[in-house]
Amino acid sequence: YFALGVKGGAFPPRSGYYIGALVADDLARTRTPDQLAALPDREA
């Protein structure tokens, strides 16, 4: 999901960055960047 040089996979290389950004966009609807950064492991 994150390496640049992966070939032959089902998804584009680095697709984890794209999906991770969508997750952050989603959670940012109700939380500030500081609140998101401070989320503890289990809650995140």
ModelCIF file with pLDDT and N, C-alpha, C, O atoms, coordinates in Angstrom:
data_MODEL
#
_entry.id   MODEL 
#
_entity.id                         1 
_entity.type                       polymer 
_entity.pdbx_number_of_molecules   1 
#
_entity_poly.entity_id                      1 
_entity_poly.type                           'polypeptide(L)' 
_entity_poly.nstd_linkage                   no 
_entity_poly.nstd_monomer                   no 
_entity_poly.pdbx_seq_one_letter_code       YFALGVKGGAFPPRSGYYIGALVADDLARTRTPDQLAALPDREA 
_entity_poly.pdbx_seq_one_letter_code_can   YFALGVKGGAFPPRSGYYIGALVADDLARTRTPDQLAALPDREA 
_entity_poly.pdbx_strand_id                 A 
#
loop_
_entity_poly_seq.entity_id 
_entity_poly_seq.num 
_entity_poly_seq.mon_id 
_entity_poly_seq.hetero 
1 1  TYR n 
1 2  PHE n 
1 3  ALA n 
1 4  LEU n 
1 5  GLY n 
1 6  VAL n 
1 7  LYS n 
1 8  GLY n 
1 9  GLY n 
1 10 ALA n 
1 11 PHE n 
1 12 PRO n 
1 13 PRO n 
1 14 ARG n 
1 15 SER n 
1 16 GLY n 
1 17 TYR n 
1 18 TYR n 
1 19 ILE n 
1 20 GLY n 
1 21 ALA n 
1 22 LEU n 
1 23 VAL n 
1 24 ALA n 
1 25 ASP n 
1 26 ASP n 
1 27 LEU n 
1 28 ALA n 
1 29 ARG n 
1 30 THR n 
1 31 ARG n 
1 32 THR n 
1 33 PRO n 
1 34 ASP n 
1 35 GLN n 
1 36 LEU n 
1 37 ALA n 
1 38 ALA n 
1 39 LEU n 
1 40 PRO n 
1 41 ASP n 
1 42 ARG n 
1 43 GLU n 
1 44 ALA n 
#
_struct_asym.id          A 
_struct_asym.entity_id   1 
#
loop_
_ma_qa_metric.id 
_ma_qa_metric.mode 
_ma_qa_metric.name 
_ma_qa_metric.software_group_id 
_ma_qa_metric.type 
1 global pLDDT . pLDDT 
2 local  pLDDT . pLDDT 
#
_ma_qa_metric_global.metric_id      1 
_ma_qa_metric_global.metric_value   93.25 
_ma_qa_metric_global.model_id       1 
_ma_qa_metric_global.ordinal_id     1 
#
loop_
_ma_qa_metric_local.label_asym_id 
_ma_qa_metric_local.label_comp_id 
_ma_qa_metric_local.label_seq_id 
_ma_qa_metric_local.metric_id 
_ma_qa_metric_local.metric_value 
_ma_qa_metric_local.model_id 
_ma_qa_metric_local.ordinal_id 
A TYR 1  2 96.00 1 1  
A PHE 2  2 94.00 1 2  
A ALA 3  2 88.00 1 3  
A LEU 4  2 78.00 1 4  
A GLY 5  2 71.00 1 5  
A VAL 6  2 69.00 1 6  
A LYS 7  2 70.00 1 7  
A GLY 8  2 68.00 1 8  
A GLY 9  2 80.00 1 9  
A ALA 10 2 88.00 1 10 
A PHE 11 2 93.00 1 11 
A PRO 12 2 93.00 1 12 
A PRO 13 2 93.00 1 13 
A ARG 14 2 95.00 1 14 
A SER 15 2 97.00 1 15 
A GLY 16 2 97.00 1 16 
A TYR 17 2 98.00 1 17 
A TYR 18 2 98.00 1 18 
A ILE 19 2 98.00 1 19 
A GLY 20 2 98.00 1 20 
A ALA 21 2 98.00 1 21 
A LEU 22 2 98.00 1 22 
A VAL 23 2 98.00 1 23 
A ALA 24 2 98.00 1 24 
A ASP 25 2 98.00 1 25 
A ASP 26 2 98.00 1 26 
A LEU 27 2 98.00 1 27 
A ALA 28 2 98.00 1 28 
A ARG 29 2 97.00 1 29 
A THR 30 2 97.00 1 30 
A ARG 31 2 98.00 1 31 
A THR 32 2 97.00 1 32 
A PRO 33 2 97.00 1 33 
A ASP 34 2 98.00 1 34 
A GLN 35 2 98.00 1 35 
A LEU 36 2 98.00 1 36 
A ALA 37 2 98.00 1 37 
A ALA 38 2 98.00 1 38 
A LEU 39 2 98.00 1 39 
A PRO 40 2 96.00 1 40 
A ASP 41 2 96.00 1 41 
A ARG 42 2 96.00 1 42 
A GLU 43 2 97.00 1 43 
A ALA 44 2 98.00 1 44 
#
loop_
_atom_site.group_PDB 
_atom_site.id 
_atom_site.type_symbol 
_atom_site.label_atom_id 
_atom_site.label_alt_id 
_atom_site.label_comp_id 
_atom_site.label_asym_id 
_atom_site.label_entity_id 
_atom_site.label_seq_id 
_atom_site.pdbx_PDB_ins_code 
_atom_site.Cartn_x 
_atom_site.Cartn_y 
_atom_site.Cartn_z 
_atom_site.occupancy 
_atom_site.B_iso_or_equiv 
_atom_site.pdbx_formal_charge 
_atom_site.auth_seq_id 
_atom_site.auth_comp_id 
_atom_site.auth_asym_id 
_atom_site.auth_atom_id 
_atom_site.pdbx_PDB_model_num 
ATOM 1   N N  . TYR A 1 1  ? 0.799   -1.231 0.000   1.00 96.00 ? 1  TYR A N  1 
ATOM 2   C CA . TYR A 1 1  ? 0.000   0.000  0.000   1.00 96.00 ? 1  TYR A CA 1 
ATOM 3   C C  . TYR A 1 1  ? 0.830   1.279  0.000   1.00 96.00 ? 1  TYR A C  1 
ATOM 4   O O  . TYR A 1 1  ? 0.316   2.345  -0.340  1.00 96.00 ? 1  TYR A O  1 
ATOM 5   N N  . PHE A 1 2  ? 2.114   1.189  0.378   1.00 94.00 ? 2  PHE A N  1 
ATOM 6   C CA . PHE A 1 2  ? 2.876   2.428  0.565   1.00 94.00 ? 2  PHE A CA 1 
ATOM 7   C C  . PHE A 1 2  ? 4.174   2.513  -0.227  1.00 94.00 ? 2  PHE A C  1 
ATOM 8   O O  . PHE A 1 2  ? 4.707   3.611  -0.385  1.00 94.00 ? 2  PHE A O  1 
ATOM 9   N N  . ALA A 1 3  ? 4.695   1.422  -0.721  1.00 88.00 ? 3  ALA A N  1 
ATOM 10  C CA . ALA A 1 3  ? 5.965   1.470  -1.440  1.00 88.00 ? 3  ALA A CA 1 
ATOM 11  C C  . ALA A 1 3  ? 5.766   1.943  -2.876  1.00 88.00 ? 3  ALA A C  1 
ATOM 12  O O  . ALA A 1 3  ? 4.722   1.710  -3.484  1.00 88.00 ? 3  ALA A O  1 
ATOM 13  N N  . LEU A 1 4  ? 6.772   2.600  -3.397  1.00 78.00 ? 4  LEU A N  1 
ATOM 14  C CA . LEU A 1 4  ? 6.690   3.167  -4.743  1.00 78.00 ? 4  LEU A CA 1 
ATOM 15  C C  . LEU A 1 4  ? 6.922   2.129  -5.826  1.00 78.00 ? 4  LEU A C  1 
ATOM 16  O O  . LEU A 1 4  ? 6.257   2.164  -6.862  1.00 78.00 ? 4  LEU A O  1 
ATOM 17  N N  . GLY A 1 5  ? 7.843   1.216  -5.613  1.00 71.00 ? 5  GLY A N  1 
ATOM 18  C CA . GLY A 1 5  ? 8.280   0.348  -6.697  1.00 71.00 ? 5  GLY A CA 1 
ATOM 19  C C  . GLY A 1 5  ? 7.539   -0.967 -6.822  1.00 71.00 ? 5  GLY A C  1 
ATOM 20  O O  . GLY A 1 5  ? 7.972   -1.833 -7.583  1.00 71.00 ? 5  GLY A O  1 
ATOM 21  N N  . VAL A 1 6  ? 6.431   -1.155 -6.102  1.00 69.00 ? 6  VAL A N  1 
ATOM 22  C CA . VAL A 1 6  ? 5.704   -2.421 -6.163  1.00 69.00 ? 6  VAL A CA 1 
ATOM 23  C C  . VAL A 1 6  ? 5.024   -2.554 -7.527  1.00 69.00 ? 6  VAL A C  1 
ATOM 24  O O  . VAL A 1 6  ? 4.327   -1.643 -7.973  1.00 69.00 ? 6  VAL A O  1 
ATOM 25  N N  . LYS A 1 7  ? 5.231   -3.684 -8.176  1.00 70.00 ? 7  LYS A N  1 
ATOM 26  C CA . LYS A 1 7  ? 4.654   -3.906 -9.498  1.00 70.00 ? 7  LYS A CA 1 
ATOM 27  C C  . LYS A 1 7  ? 3.759   -5.136 -9.487  1.00 70.00 ? 7  LYS A C  1 
ATOM 28  O O  . LYS A 1 7  ? 3.987   -6.081 -8.731  1.00 70.00 ? 7  LYS A O  1 
ATOM 29  N N  . GLY A 1 8  ? 2.748   -5.109 -10.329 1.00 68.00 ? 8  GLY A N  1 
ATOM 30  C CA . GLY A 1 8  ? 1.888   -6.272 -10.491 1.00 68.00 ? 8  GLY A CA 1 
ATOM 31  C C  . GLY A 1 8  ? 0.843   -6.447 -9.416  1.00 68.00 ? 8  GLY A C  1 
ATOM 32  O O  . GLY A 1 8  ? 0.198   -7.494 -9.353  1.00 68.00 ? 8  GLY A O  1 
ATOM 33  N N  . GLY A 1 9  ? 0.653   -5.439 -8.557  1.00 80.00 ? 9  GLY A N  1 
ATOM 34  C CA . GLY A 1 9  ? -0.353  -5.538 -7.511  1.00 80.00 ? 9  GLY A CA 1 
ATOM 35  C C  . GLY A 1 9  ? -1.746  -5.233 -8.017  1.00 80.00 ? 9  GLY A C  1 
ATOM 36  O O  . GLY A 1 9  ? -1.928  -4.775 -9.145  1.00 80.00 ? 9  GLY A O  1 
ATOM 37  N N  . ALA A 1 10 ? -2.736  -5.495 -7.160  1.00 88.00 ? 10 ALA A N  1 
ATOM 38  C CA . ALA A 1 10 ? -4.124  -5.240 -7.533  1.00 88.00 ? 10 ALA A CA 1 
ATOM 39  C C  . ALA A 1 10 ? -4.450  -3.752 -7.554  1.00 88.00 ? 10 ALA A C  1 
ATOM 40  O O  . ALA A 1 10 ? -5.404  -3.325 -8.204  1.00 88.00 ? 10 ALA A O  1 
ATOM 41  N N  . PHE A 1 11 ? -3.639  -2.957 -6.826  1.00 93.00 ? 11 PHE A N  1 
ATOM 42  C CA . PHE A 1 11 ? -3.914  -1.528 -6.702  1.00 93.00 ? 11 PHE A CA 1 
ATOM 43  C C  . PHE A 1 11 ? -2.683  -0.719 -7.108  1.00 93.00 ? 11 PHE A C  1 
ATOM 44  O O  . PHE A 1 11 ? -1.576  -1.257 -7.144  1.00 93.00 ? 11 PHE A O  1 
ATOM 45  N N  . PRO A 1 12 ? -2.862  0.562  -7.412  1.00 93.00 ? 12 PRO A N  1 
ATOM 46  C CA . PRO A 1 12 ? -1.711  1.398  -7.757  1.00 93.00 ? 12 PRO A CA 1 
ATOM 47  C C  . PRO A 1 12 ? -0.721  1.475  -6.590  1.00 93.00 ? 12 PRO A C  1 
ATOM 48  O O  . PRO A 1 12 ? -1.139  1.496  -5.432  1.00 93.00 ? 12 PRO A O  1 
ATOM 49  N N  . PRO A 1 13 ? 0.573   1.518  -6.876  1.00 93.00 ? 13 PRO A N  1 
ATOM 50  C CA . PRO A 1 13 ? 1.552   1.719  -5.800  1.00 93.00 ? 13 PRO A CA 1 
ATOM 51  C C  . PRO A 1 13 ? 1.233   2.994  -5.018  1.00 93.00 ? 13 PRO A C  1 
ATOM 52  O O  . PRO A 1 13 ? 0.820   3.999  -5.597  1.00 93.00 ? 13 PRO A O  1 
ATOM 53  N N  . ARG A 1 14 ? 1.427   2.943  -3.705  1.00 95.00 ? 14 ARG A N  1 
ATOM 54  C CA . ARG A 1 14 ? 1.210   4.071  -2.799  1.00 95.00 ? 14 ARG A CA 1 
ATOM 55  C C  . ARG A 1 14 ? -0.271  4.394  -2.598  1.00 95.00 ? 14 ARG A C  1 
ATOM 56  O O  . ARG A 1 14 ? -0.608  5.489  -2.149  1.00 95.00 ? 14 ARG A O  1 
ATOM 57  N N  . SER A 1 15 ? -1.158  3.449  -2.926  1.00 97.00 ? 15 SER A N  1 
ATOM 58  C CA . SER A 1 15 ? -2.593  3.709  -2.768  1.00 97.00 ? 15 SER A CA 1 
ATOM 59  C C  . SER A 1 15 ? -2.979  3.904  -1.309  1.00 97.00 ? 15 SER A C  1 
ATOM 60  O O  . SER A 1 15 ? -4.040  4.458  -1.022  1.00 97.00 ? 15 SER A O  1 
ATOM 61  N N  . GLY A 1 16 ? -2.128  3.455  -0.378  1.00 97.00 ? 16 GLY A N  1 
ATOM 62  C CA . GLY A 1 16 ? -2.408  3.665  1.039   1.00 97.00 ? 16 GLY A CA 1 
ATOM 63  C C  . GLY A 1 16 ? -2.420  5.135  1.408   1.00 97.00 ? 16 GLY A C  1 
ATOM 64  O O  . GLY A 1 16 ? -3.174  5.549  2.288   1.00 97.00 ? 16 GLY A O  1 
ATOM 65  N N  . TYR A 1 17 ? -1.586  5.933  0.737   1.00 98.00 ? 17 TYR A N  1 
ATOM 66  C CA . TYR A 1 17 ? -1.606  7.378  0.988   1.00 98.00 ? 17 TYR A CA 1 
ATOM 67  C C  . TYR A 1 17 ? -2.954  7.970  0.589   1.00 98.00 ? 17 TYR A C  1 
ATOM 68  O O  . TYR A 1 17 ? -3.504  8.814  1.297   1.00 98.00 ? 17 TYR A O  1 
ATOM 69  N N  . TYR A 1 18 ? -3.470  7.530  -0.527  1.00 98.00 ? 18 TYR A N  1 
ATOM 70  C CA . TYR A 1 18 ? -4.757  8.042  -1.011  1.00 98.00 ? 18 TYR A CA 1 
ATOM 71  C C  . TYR A 1 18 ? -5.888  7.668  -0.059  1.00 98.00 ? 18 TYR A C  1 
ATOM 72  O O  . TYR A 1 18 ? -6.682  8.525  0.329   1.00 98.00 ? 18 TYR A O  1 
ATOM 73  N N  . ILE A 1 19 ? -5.964  6.386  0.320   1.00 98.00 ? 19 ILE A N  1 
ATOM 74  C CA . ILE A 1 19 ? -7.037  5.946  1.219   1.00 98.00 ? 19 ILE A CA 1 
ATOM 75  C C  . ILE A 1 19 ? -6.857  6.560  2.604   1.00 98.00 ? 19 ILE A C  1 
ATOM 76  O O  . ILE A 1 19 ? -7.836  6.951  3.241   1.00 98.00 ? 19 ILE A O  1 
ATOM 77  N N  . GLY A 1 20 ? -5.634  6.646  3.067   1.00 98.00 ? 20 GLY A N  1 
ATOM 78  C CA . GLY A 1 20 ? -5.390  7.266  4.370   1.00 98.00 ? 20 GLY A CA 1 
ATOM 79  C C  . GLY A 1 20 ? -5.828  8.718  4.394   1.00 98.00 ? 20 GLY A C  1 
ATOM 80  O O  . GLY A 1 20 ? -6.364  9.187  5.399   1.00 98.00 ? 20 GLY A O  1 
ATOM 81  N N  . ALA A 1 21 ? -5.607  9.440  3.295   1.00 98.00 ? 21 ALA A N  1 
ATOM 82  C CA . ALA A 1 21 ? -6.045  10.832 3.221   1.00 98.00 ? 21 ALA A CA 1 
ATOM 83  C C  . ALA A 1 21 ? -7.562  10.935 3.223   1.00 98.00 ? 21 ALA A C  1 
ATOM 84  O O  . ALA A 1 21 ? -8.116  11.862 3.815   1.00 98.00 ? 21 ALA A O  1 
ATOM 85  N N  . LEU A 1 22 ? -8.250  9.990  2.565   1.00 98.00 ? 22 LEU A N  1 
ATOM 86  C CA . LEU A 1 22 ? -9.716  9.984  2.610   1.00 98.00 ? 22 LEU A CA 1 
ATOM 87  C C  . LEU A 1 22 ? -10.218 9.752  4.031   1.00 98.00 ? 22 LEU A C  1 
ATOM 88  O O  . LEU A 1 22 ? -11.193 10.370 4.460   1.00 98.00 ? 22 LEU A O  1 
ATOM 89  N N  . VAL A 1 23 ? -9.551  8.862  4.758   1.00 98.00 ? 23 VAL A N  1 
ATOM 90  C CA . VAL A 1 23 ? -9.907  8.628  6.168   1.00 98.00 ? 23 VAL A CA 1 
ATOM 91  C C  . VAL A 1 23 ? -9.724  9.914  6.974   1.00 98.00 ? 23 VAL A C  1 
ATOM 92  O O  . VAL A 1 23 ? -10.595 10.280 7.764   1.00 98.00 ? 23 VAL A O  1 
ATOM 93  N N  . ALA A 1 24 ? -8.603  10.596 6.779   1.00 98.00 ? 24 ALA A N  1 
ATOM 94  C CA . ALA A 1 24 ? -8.357  11.850 7.497   1.00 98.00 ? 24 ALA A CA 1 
ATOM 95  C C  . ALA A 1 24 ? -9.387  12.907 7.122   1.00 98.00 ? 24 ALA A C  1 
ATOM 96  O O  . ALA A 1 24 ? -9.874  13.630 7.991   1.00 98.00 ? 24 ALA A O  1 
ATOM 97  N N  . ASP A 1 25 ? -9.724  13.007 5.840   1.00 98.00 ? 25 ASP A N  1 
ATOM 98  C CA . ASP A 1 25 ? -10.764 13.955 5.402   1.00 98.00 ? 25 ASP A CA 1 
ATOM 99  C C  . ASP A 1 25 ? -12.071 13.667 6.137   1.00 98.00 ? 25 ASP A C  1 
ATOM 100 O O  . ASP A 1 25 ? -12.749 14.579 6.611   1.00 98.00 ? 25 ASP A O  1 
ATOM 101 N N  . ASP A 1 26 ? -12.406 12.393 6.222   1.00 98.00 ? 26 ASP A N  1 
ATOM 102 C CA . ASP A 1 26 ? -13.656 11.980 6.857   1.00 98.00 ? 26 ASP A CA 1 
ATOM 103 C C  . ASP A 1 26 ? -13.671 12.350 8.339   1.00 98.00 ? 26 ASP A C  1 
ATOM 104 O O  . ASP A 1 26 ? -14.641 12.934 8.822   1.00 98.00 ? 26 ASP A O  1 
ATOM 105 N N  . LEU A 1 27 ? -12.616 12.018 9.054   1.00 98.00 ? 27 LEU A N  1 
ATOM 106 C CA . LEU A 1 27 ? -12.589 12.278 10.497  1.00 98.00 ? 27 LEU A CA 1 
ATOM 107 C C  . LEU A 1 27 ? -12.428 13.767 10.799  1.00 98.00 ? 27 LEU A C  1 
ATOM 108 O O  . LEU A 1 27 ? -12.805 14.225 11.878  1.00 98.00 ? 27 LEU A O  1 
ATOM 109 N N  . ALA A 1 28 ? -11.872 14.522 9.855   1.00 98.00 ? 28 ALA A N  1 
ATOM 110 C CA . ALA A 1 28 ? -11.703 15.964 10.062  1.00 98.00 ? 28 ALA A CA 1 
ATOM 111 C C  . ALA A 1 28 ? -13.025 16.726 9.978   1.00 98.00 ? 28 ALA A C  1 
ATOM 112 O O  . ALA A 1 28 ? -13.066 17.917 10.285  1.00 98.00 ? 28 ALA A O  1 
ATOM 113 N N  . ARG A 1 29 ? -14.092 16.066 9.570   1.00 97.00 ? 29 ARG A N  1 
ATOM 114 C CA . ARG A 1 29 ? -15.400 16.740 9.517   1.00 97.00 ? 29 ARG A CA 1 
ATOM 115 C C  . ARG A 1 29 ? -15.872 17.146 10.909  1.00 97.00 ? 29 ARG A C  1 
ATOM 116 O O  . ARG A 1 29 ? -16.620 18.112 11.063  1.00 97.00 ? 29 ARG A O  1 
ATOM 117 N N  . THR A 1 30 ? -15.431 16.403 11.920  1.00 97.00 ? 30 THR A N  1 
ATOM 118 C CA . THR A 1 30 ? -15.922 16.658 13.275  1.00 97.00 ? 30 THR A CA 1 
ATOM 119 C C  . THR A 1 30 ? -14.803 16.913 14.280  1.00 97.00 ? 30 THR A C  1 
ATOM 120 O O  . THR A 1 30 ? -15.062 17.015 15.480  1.00 97.00 ? 30 THR A O  1 
ATOM 121 N N  . ARG A 1 31 ? -13.563 17.017 13.804  1.00 98.00 ? 31 ARG A N  1 
ATOM 122 C CA . ARG A 1 31 ? -12.440 17.208 14.720  1.00 98.00 ? 31 ARG A CA 1 
ATOM 123 C C  . ARG A 1 31 ? -11.427 18.155 14.103  1.00 98.00 ? 31 ARG A C  1 
ATOM 124 O O  . ARG A 1 31 ? -11.269 18.201 12.883  1.00 98.00 ? 31 ARG A O  1 
ATOM 125 N N  . THR A 1 32 ? -10.742 18.908 14.951  1.00 97.00 ? 32 THR A N  1 
ATOM 126 C CA . THR A 1 32 ? -9.698  19.812 14.476  1.00 97.00 ? 32 THR A CA 1 
ATOM 127 C C  . THR A 1 32 ? -8.413  19.014 14.220  1.00 97.00 ? 32 THR A C  1 
ATOM 128 O O  . THR A 1 32 ? -8.288  17.886 14.697  1.00 97.00 ? 32 THR A O  1 
ATOM 129 N N  . PRO A 1 33 ? -7.464  19.581 13.478  1.00 97.00 ? 33 PRO A N  1 
ATOM 130 C CA . PRO A 1 33 ? -6.186  18.883 13.291  1.00 97.00 ? 33 PRO A CA 1 
ATOM 131 C C  . PRO A 1 33 ? -5.485  18.555 14.605  1.00 97.00 ? 33 PRO A C  1 
ATOM 132 O O  . PRO A 1 33 ? -4.895  17.482 14.737  1.00 97.00 ? 33 PRO A O  1 
ATOM 133 N N  . ASP A 1 34 ? -5.542  19.464 15.580  1.00 98.00 ? 34 ASP A N  1 
ATOM 134 C CA . ASP A 1 34 ? -4.917  19.173 16.876  1.00 98.00 ? 34 ASP A CA 1 
ATOM 135 C C  . ASP A 1 34 ? -5.590  17.993 17.556  1.00 98.00 ? 34 ASP A C  1 
ATOM 136 O O  . ASP A 1 34 ? -4.914  17.146 18.141  1.00 98.00 ? 34 ASP A O  1 
ATOM 137 N N  . GLN A 1 35 ? -6.915  17.930 17.486  1.00 98.00 ? 35 GLN A N  1 
ATOM 138 C CA . GLN A 1 35 ? -7.631  16.816 18.099  1.00 98.00 ? 35 GLN A CA 1 
ATOM 139 C C  . GLN A 1 35 ? -7.300  15.497 17.401  1.00 98.00 ? 35 GLN A C  1 
ATOM 140 O O  . GLN A 1 35 ? -7.148  14.462 18.050  1.00 98.00 ? 35 GLN A O  1 
ATOM 141 N N  . LEU A 1 36 ? -7.193  15.544 16.097  1.00 98.00 ? 36 LEU A N  1 
ATOM 142 C CA . LEU A 1 36 ? -6.845  14.332 15.351  1.00 98.00 ? 36 LEU A CA 1 
ATOM 143 C C  . LEU A 1 36 ? -5.436  13.862 15.701  1.00 98.00 ? 36 LEU A C  1 
ATOM 144 O O  . LEU A 1 36 ? -5.203  12.668 15.888  1.00 98.00 ? 36 LEU A O  1 
ATOM 145 N N  . ALA A 1 37 ? -4.500  14.805 15.790  1.00 98.00 ? 37 ALA A N  1 
ATOM 146 C CA . ALA A 1 37 ? -3.119  14.444 16.097  1.00 98.00 ? 37 ALA A CA 1 
ATOM 147 C C  . ALA A 1 37 ? -2.989  13.829 17.485  1.00 98.00 ? 37 ALA A C  1 
ATOM 148 O O  . ALA A 1 37 ? -2.107  13.002 17.716  1.00 98.00 ? 37 ALA A O  1 
ATOM 149 N N  . ALA A 1 38 ? -3.859  14.227 18.411  1.00 98.00 ? 38 ALA A N  1 
ATOM 150 C CA . ALA A 1 38 ? -3.752  13.778 19.799  1.00 98.00 ? 38 ALA A CA 1 
ATOM 151 C C  . ALA A 1 38 ? -4.518  12.487 20.079  1.00 98.00 ? 38 ALA A C  1 
ATOM 152 O O  . ALA A 1 38 ? -4.499  12.001 21.210  1.00 98.00 ? 38 ALA A O  1 
ATOM 153 N N  . LEU A 1 39 ? -5.191  11.922 19.077  1.00 98.00 ? 39 LEU A N  1 
ATOM 154 C CA . LEU A 1 39 ? -5.949  10.693 19.317  1.00 98.00 ? 39 LEU A CA 1 
ATOM 155 C C  . LEU A 1 39 ? -5.022  9.585  19.814  1.00 98.00 ? 39 LEU A C  1 
ATOM 156 O O  . LEU A 1 39 ? -3.988  9.325  19.199  1.00 98.00 ? 39 LEU A O  1 
ATOM 157 N N  . PRO A 1 40 ? -5.375  8.936  20.907  1.00 96.00 ? 40 PRO A N  1 
ATOM 158 C CA . PRO A 1 40 ? -4.551  7.812  21.378  1.00 96.00 ? 40 PRO A CA 1 
ATOM 159 C C  . PRO A 1 40 ? -4.729  6.598  20.473  1.00 96.00 ? 40 PRO A C  1 
ATOM 160 O O  . PRO A 1 40 ? -5.642  6.553  19.649  1.00 96.00 ? 40 PRO A O  1 
ATOM 161 N N  . ASP A 1 41 ? -3.865  5.637  20.634  1.00 96.00 ? 41 ASP A N  1 
ATOM 162 C CA . ASP A 1 41 ? -3.803  4.490  19.733  1.00 96.00 ? 41 ASP A CA 1 
ATOM 163 C C  . ASP A 1 41 ? -5.138  3.770  19.593  1.00 96.00 ? 41 ASP A C  1 
ATOM 164 O O  . ASP A 1 41 ? -5.616  3.570  18.476  1.00 96.00 ? 41 ASP A O  1 
ATOM 165 N N  . ARG A 1 42 ? -5.735  3.384  20.689  1.00 96.00 ? 42 ARG A N  1 
ATOM 166 C CA . ARG A 1 42 ? -6.940  2.567  20.620  1.00 96.00 ? 42 ARG A CA 1 
ATOM 167 C C  . ARG A 1 42 ? -8.098  3.323  19.971  1.00 96.00 ? 42 ARG A C  1 
ATOM 168 O O  . ARG A 1 42 ? -8.834  2.757  19.163  1.00 96.00 ? 42 ARG A O  1 
ATOM 169 N N  . GLU A 1 43 ? -8.260  4.599  20.320  1.00 97.00 ? 43 GLU A N  1 
ATOM 170 C CA . GLU A 1 43 ? -9.346  5.389  19.736  1.00 97.00 ? 43 GLU A CA 1 
ATOM 171 C C  . GLU A 1 43 ? -9.107  5.616  18.247  1.00 97.00 ? 43 GLU A C  1 
ATOM 172 O O  . GLU A 1 43 ? -10.039 5.533  17.446  1.00 97.00 ? 43 GLU A O  1 
ATOM 173 N N  . ALA A 1 44 ? -7.866  5.901  17.879  1.00 98.00 ? 44 ALA A N  1 
ATOM 174 C CA . ALA A 1 44 ? -7.552  6.105  16.464  1.00 98.00 ? 44 ALA A CA 1 
ATOM 175 C C  . ALA A 1 44 ? -7.824  4.830  15.669  1.00 98.00 ? 44 ALA A C  1 
ATOM 176 O O  . ALA A 1 44 ? -7.620  4.803  14.455  1.00 98.00 ? 44 ALA A O  1 
#
